[in-house]
Amino acid sequence: MQIFRGKGKIYDSRENYLDDVTYEIYQKSSNGTAGAEWRGEITPDKAIMPVGNHIIELDDGRRGPCIIKIKTTSSFGLVVDSYDLEGTGSLTHQKEYSHDISD
């Protein structure tokens, strides 16, 4: 398993920029054909992130489609400062990147 930490960017499924984020991503080893499974956590710099389909861009230029879900940090579920994300495709460099996700 590989762990990636850094500053990246989040885009909506139409590739509109939403916010800068701090991320921690866990990636399982690739099976050779379908890419690698990955998931992690993000903390947005400014915005409250809408849940759903998004695209994350890592600090090394790789991008990948993902689903963002709310992660709460209070016992009452009222404070949201970070989000879980689940990869729905490979993390690839921008010139190789193409996505097929819909809202």
N, C-alpha and C. Protein backbone atom coordinates (compact mmCIF):
# COMPACT_ATOMS: atom_id res chain seq x y z
N MET A 1 0.85 -1.18 0.00
CA MET A 1 0.00 0.00 0.00
C MET A 1 0.89 1.24 0.00
N GLN A 2 0.48 2.22 -0.80
CA GLN A 2 1.19 3.49 -0.85
C GLN A 2 0.32 4.55 -0.19
N ILE A 3 0.97 5.52 0.46
CA ILE A 3 0.26 6.63 1.07
C ILE A 3 0.78 7.92 0.44
N PHE A 4 -0.14 8.75 -0.02
CA PHE A 4 0.20 10.05 -0.61
C PHE A 4 -0.41 11.15 0.25
N ARG A 5 0.41 12.11 0.63
CA ARG A 5 -0.06 13.27 1.39
C ARG A 5 0.39 14.53 0.67
N GLY A 6 -0.46 15.54 0.67
CA GLY A 6 -0.06 16.78 0.03
C GLY A 6 -1.20 17.76 -0.10
N LYS A 7 -0.96 18.77 -0.93
CA LYS A 7 -1.96 19.79 -1.25
C LYS A 7 -2.38 19.57 -2.69
N GLY A 8 -3.67 19.57 -2.91
CA GLY A 8 -4.18 19.37 -4.26
C GLY A 8 -5.37 20.26 -4.53
N LYS A 9 -6.11 19.90 -5.56
CA LYS A 9 -7.28 20.67 -5.97
C LYS A 9 -8.45 19.73 -6.19
N ILE A 10 -9.64 20.26 -5.94
CA ILE A 10 -10.87 19.50 -6.19
C ILE A 10 -11.67 20.23 -7.26
N TYR A 11 -12.19 19.45 -8.20
CA TYR A 11 -13.04 19.94 -9.27
C TYR A 11 -14.37 19.20 -9.21
N ASP A 12 -15.43 19.82 -9.71
CA ASP A 12 -16.68 19.08 -9.83
C ASP A 12 -16.56 18.15 -11.03
N SER A 13 -17.60 17.37 -11.28
CA SER A 13 -17.53 16.38 -12.35
C SER A 13 -17.42 16.99 -13.74
N ARG A 14 -17.67 18.29 -13.85
CA ARG A 14 -17.53 18.99 -15.15
C ARG A 14 -16.18 19.72 -15.24
N GLU A 15 -15.30 19.44 -14.28
CA GLU A 15 -13.95 19.99 -14.21
C GLU A 15 -13.92 21.47 -13.87
N ASN A 16 -14.93 21.97 -13.16
CA ASN A 16 -14.91 23.33 -12.63
C ASN A 16 -14.20 23.31 -11.29
N TYR A 17 -13.19 24.18 -11.13
CA TYR A 17 -12.42 24.25 -9.89
C TYR A 17 -13.33 24.61 -8.72
N LEU A 18 -13.18 23.89 -7.58
CA LEU A 18 -13.95 24.19 -6.38
C LEU A 18 -13.09 24.75 -5.26
N ASP A 19 -11.96 24.10 -4.95
CA ASP A 19 -11.15 24.55 -3.80
C ASP A 19 -9.82 23.80 -3.78
N ASP A 20 -8.85 24.37 -3.06
CA ASP A 20 -7.63 23.65 -2.72
C ASP A 20 -7.93 22.77 -1.52
N VAL A 21 -7.25 21.63 -1.45
CA VAL A 21 -7.47 20.69 -0.36
C VAL A 21 -6.14 20.13 0.13
N THR A 22 -6.14 19.70 1.36
CA THR A 22 -5.06 18.89 1.90
C THR A 22 -5.58 17.45 1.84
N TYR A 23 -4.76 16.54 1.33
CA TYR A 23 -5.24 15.17 1.16
C TYR A 23 -4.30 14.15 1.78
N GLU A 24 -4.87 13.00 2.08
CA GLU A 24 -4.14 11.80 2.46
C GLU A 24 -4.84 10.66 1.74
N ILE A 25 -4.13 10.01 0.83
CA ILE A 25 -4.71 8.98 -0.01
C ILE A 25 -3.95 7.67 0.20
N TYR A 26 -4.72 6.60 0.33
CA TYR A 26 -4.18 5.26 0.47
C TYR A 26 -4.48 4.50 -0.81
N GLN A 27 -3.42 3.99 -1.46
CA GLN A 27 -3.60 3.29 -2.72
C GLN A 27 -3.07 1.88 -2.60
N LYS A 28 -3.94 0.91 -2.93
CA LYS A 28 -3.51 -0.48 -2.97
C LYS A 28 -2.70 -0.70 -4.23
N SER A 29 -1.88 -1.73 -4.25
CA SER A 29 -1.08 -2.04 -5.42
C SER A 29 -1.97 -2.34 -6.61
N SER A 30 -1.50 -1.94 -7.78
CA SER A 30 -2.24 -2.16 -9.02
C SER A 30 -2.28 -3.64 -9.36
N ASN A 31 -3.38 -4.07 -9.95
CA ASN A 31 -3.48 -5.47 -10.38
C ASN A 31 -2.96 -5.65 -11.81
N GLY A 32 -2.44 -4.57 -12.38
CA GLY A 32 -1.82 -4.67 -13.70
C GLY A 32 -2.70 -4.27 -14.87
N THR A 33 -4.01 -4.39 -14.73
CA THR A 33 -4.87 -4.05 -15.85
C THR A 33 -5.88 -2.96 -15.53
N ALA A 34 -6.51 -3.04 -14.39
CA ALA A 34 -7.60 -2.10 -14.09
C ALA A 34 -7.15 -0.92 -13.24
N GLY A 35 -5.85 -0.79 -12.99
CA GLY A 35 -5.39 0.29 -12.14
C GLY A 35 -5.41 -0.13 -10.69
N ALA A 36 -5.31 0.84 -9.81
CA ALA A 36 -5.24 0.54 -8.39
C ALA A 36 -6.44 1.12 -7.65
N GLU A 37 -6.83 0.42 -6.59
CA GLU A 37 -7.89 0.91 -5.72
C GLU A 37 -7.33 1.98 -4.80
N TRP A 38 -8.09 3.06 -4.58
CA TRP A 38 -7.60 4.10 -3.68
C TRP A 38 -8.77 4.77 -2.98
N ARG A 39 -8.45 5.30 -1.80
CA ARG A 39 -9.41 6.05 -1.00
C ARG A 39 -8.63 6.95 -0.06
N GLY A 40 -9.29 7.85 0.61
CA GLY A 40 -8.57 8.73 1.51
C GLY A 40 -9.46 9.74 2.18
N GLU A 41 -8.83 10.84 2.54
CA GLU A 41 -9.51 11.92 3.25
C GLU A 41 -9.00 13.25 2.74
N ILE A 42 -9.90 14.24 2.63
CA ILE A 42 -9.49 15.58 2.23
C ILE A 42 -10.03 16.59 3.24
N THR A 43 -9.30 17.69 3.36
CA THR A 43 -9.74 18.84 4.15
C THR A 43 -9.67 20.05 3.23
N PRO A 44 -10.82 20.65 2.90
CA PRO A 44 -10.81 21.82 2.01
C PRO A 44 -10.21 23.04 2.71
N ASP A 45 -9.58 23.92 1.94
CA ASP A 45 -9.01 25.14 2.50
C ASP A 45 -10.09 26.13 2.90
N LYS A 46 -11.11 26.32 2.06
CA LYS A 46 -12.09 27.37 2.31
C LYS A 46 -13.53 26.89 2.27
N ALA A 47 -13.88 26.18 1.24
CA ALA A 47 -15.29 25.90 0.94
C ALA A 47 -15.82 24.69 1.70
N ILE A 48 -17.12 24.66 1.85
CA ILE A 48 -17.80 23.45 2.27
C ILE A 48 -18.03 22.66 1.00
N MET A 49 -17.57 21.44 0.99
CA MET A 49 -17.56 20.64 -0.22
C MET A 49 -18.91 19.96 -0.43
N PRO A 50 -19.49 20.08 -1.63
CA PRO A 50 -20.70 19.31 -1.90
C PRO A 50 -20.34 17.83 -2.03
N VAL A 51 -21.18 16.95 -1.54
CA VAL A 51 -20.91 15.52 -1.67
C VAL A 51 -21.28 15.08 -3.08
N GLY A 52 -20.71 13.97 -3.51
CA GLY A 52 -21.00 13.45 -4.84
C GLY A 52 -19.75 13.22 -5.65
N ASN A 53 -19.91 13.20 -6.97
CA ASN A 53 -18.82 12.91 -7.90
C ASN A 53 -17.93 14.14 -8.10
N HIS A 54 -16.62 13.92 -7.99
CA HIS A 54 -15.64 14.99 -8.14
C HIS A 54 -14.39 14.46 -8.83
N ILE A 55 -13.45 15.34 -9.05
CA ILE A 55 -12.13 14.99 -9.57
C ILE A 55 -11.11 15.60 -8.64
N ILE A 56 -10.14 14.80 -8.21
CA ILE A 56 -9.06 15.33 -7.38
C ILE A 56 -7.80 15.42 -8.23
N GLU A 57 -7.04 16.48 -8.01
CA GLU A 57 -5.74 16.64 -8.65
C GLU A 57 -4.69 16.68 -7.55
N LEU A 58 -3.74 15.76 -7.60
CA LEU A 58 -2.67 15.70 -6.60
C LEU A 58 -1.57 16.70 -6.93
N ASP A 59 -0.69 16.93 -5.98
CA ASP A 59 0.37 17.92 -6.20
C ASP A 59 1.38 17.51 -7.26
N ASP A 60 1.41 16.22 -7.63
CA ASP A 60 2.32 15.78 -8.70
C ASP A 60 1.65 15.79 -10.08
N GLY A 61 0.40 16.31 -10.15
CA GLY A 61 -0.29 16.44 -11.43
C GLY A 61 -1.23 15.29 -11.76
N ARG A 62 -1.19 14.21 -10.99
CA ARG A 62 -2.13 13.12 -11.26
C ARG A 62 -3.55 13.54 -10.91
N ARG A 63 -4.50 13.01 -11.66
CA ARG A 63 -5.92 13.28 -11.42
C ARG A 63 -6.68 11.96 -11.39
N GLY A 64 -7.80 12.00 -10.70
CA GLY A 64 -8.65 10.82 -10.68
C GLY A 64 -10.06 11.16 -10.24
N PRO A 65 -11.04 10.45 -10.78
CA PRO A 65 -12.41 10.65 -10.37
C PRO A 65 -12.64 10.03 -8.99
N CYS A 66 -13.50 10.67 -8.20
CA CYS A 66 -13.76 10.18 -6.86
C CYS A 66 -15.15 10.59 -6.40
N ILE A 67 -15.61 9.92 -5.36
CA ILE A 67 -16.85 10.27 -4.70
C ILE A 67 -16.49 10.83 -3.33
N ILE A 68 -17.00 12.01 -3.01
CA ILE A 68 -16.74 12.65 -1.72
C ILE A 68 -17.93 12.43 -0.81
N LYS A 69 -17.63 12.03 0.43
CA LYS A 69 -18.65 11.79 1.44
C LYS A 69 -18.30 12.58 2.69
N ILE A 70 -19.31 13.02 3.42
CA ILE A 70 -19.09 13.81 4.64
C ILE A 70 -18.48 12.94 5.74
N LYS A 71 -17.49 13.51 6.41
CA LYS A 71 -16.90 12.90 7.59
C LYS A 71 -17.06 13.91 8.72
N THR A 72 -17.69 13.56 9.81
CA THR A 72 -17.93 14.51 10.90
C THR A 72 -16.93 14.29 12.02
N THR A 73 -16.68 15.34 12.78
CA THR A 73 -15.72 15.26 13.88
C THR A 73 -16.34 15.56 15.23
N SER A 74 -17.65 15.73 15.29
CA SER A 74 -18.29 15.96 16.58
C SER A 74 -19.28 14.84 16.86
N SER A 75 -19.59 14.63 18.11
CA SER A 75 -20.50 13.55 18.47
C SER A 75 -21.92 13.84 18.01
N PHE A 76 -22.25 15.09 17.72
CA PHE A 76 -23.58 15.44 17.26
C PHE A 76 -23.67 15.49 15.73
N GLY A 77 -22.57 15.30 15.04
CA GLY A 77 -22.58 15.31 13.58
C GLY A 77 -22.80 16.67 12.98
N LEU A 78 -22.45 17.73 13.71
CA LEU A 78 -22.71 19.09 13.24
C LEU A 78 -21.49 19.76 12.62
N VAL A 79 -20.30 19.31 12.97
CA VAL A 79 -19.08 19.95 12.49
C VAL A 79 -18.48 19.11 11.37
N VAL A 80 -18.34 19.71 10.21
CA VAL A 80 -17.72 19.02 9.07
C VAL A 80 -16.46 19.79 8.71
N ASP A 81 -15.32 19.16 8.90
CA ASP A 81 -14.08 19.83 8.50
C ASP A 81 -13.23 18.95 7.59
N SER A 82 -13.62 17.71 7.42
CA SER A 82 -12.92 16.85 6.47
C SER A 82 -13.93 15.90 5.84
N TYR A 83 -13.50 15.31 4.73
CA TYR A 83 -14.38 14.48 3.94
C TYR A 83 -13.66 13.20 3.54
N ASP A 84 -14.39 12.11 3.50
CA ASP A 84 -13.85 10.86 2.97
C ASP A 84 -13.99 10.90 1.47
N LEU A 85 -13.06 10.25 0.78
CA LEU A 85 -13.22 10.12 -0.66
C LEU A 85 -12.88 8.71 -1.08
N GLU A 86 -13.54 8.28 -2.12
CA GLU A 86 -13.34 6.95 -2.66
C GLU A 86 -13.06 7.08 -4.15
N GLY A 87 -11.93 6.54 -4.57
CA GLY A 87 -11.57 6.59 -5.98
C GLY A 87 -12.50 5.74 -6.82
N THR A 88 -12.90 6.27 -7.97
CA THR A 88 -13.78 5.53 -8.87
C THR A 88 -13.09 5.25 -10.20
N GLY A 89 -11.81 5.52 -10.27
CA GLY A 89 -11.01 5.29 -11.48
C GLY A 89 -9.55 5.44 -11.12
N SER A 90 -8.69 5.32 -12.09
CA SER A 90 -7.25 5.41 -11.86
C SER A 90 -6.80 6.84 -11.61
N LEU A 91 -5.71 6.98 -10.87
CA LEU A 91 -5.01 8.26 -10.72
C LEU A 91 -3.98 8.33 -11.83
N THR A 92 -4.17 9.25 -12.78
CA THR A 92 -3.25 9.36 -13.91
C THR A 92 -2.82 10.80 -14.09
N HIS A 93 -1.71 10.99 -14.78
CA HIS A 93 -1.25 12.35 -15.05
C HIS A 93 -2.20 13.04 -16.02
N GLN A 94 -2.26 14.35 -15.95
CA GLN A 94 -3.29 15.14 -16.62
C GLN A 94 -3.39 14.84 -18.12
N LYS A 95 -2.28 14.71 -18.82
CA LYS A 95 -2.36 14.49 -20.26
C LYS A 95 -2.92 13.10 -20.58
N GLU A 96 -2.84 12.16 -19.62
CA GLU A 96 -3.42 10.83 -19.81
C GLU A 96 -4.86 10.78 -19.31
N TYR A 97 -5.27 11.81 -18.57
CA TYR A 97 -6.53 11.76 -17.84
C TYR A 97 -7.74 11.92 -18.76
N SER A 98 -8.67 11.05 -18.57
CA SER A 98 -10.02 11.23 -19.13
C SER A 98 -10.96 10.61 -18.13
N HIS A 99 -12.13 11.18 -17.99
CA HIS A 99 -13.04 10.66 -16.99
C HIS A 99 -14.39 10.35 -17.62
N ASP A 100 -15.10 9.50 -16.95
CA ASP A 100 -16.43 9.12 -17.40
C ASP A 100 -17.32 9.02 -16.18
N ILE A 101 -17.60 10.17 -15.56
CA ILE A 101 -18.49 10.20 -14.41
C ILE A 101 -19.59 11.19 -14.71
N SER A 102 -20.69 11.02 -14.06
CA SER A 102 -21.80 11.95 -14.25
C SER A 102 -22.40 12.29 -12.91
N ASP A 103 -23.05 13.46 -12.85
CA ASP A 103 -23.69 13.89 -11.61
C ASP A 103 -24.89 13.02 -11.28
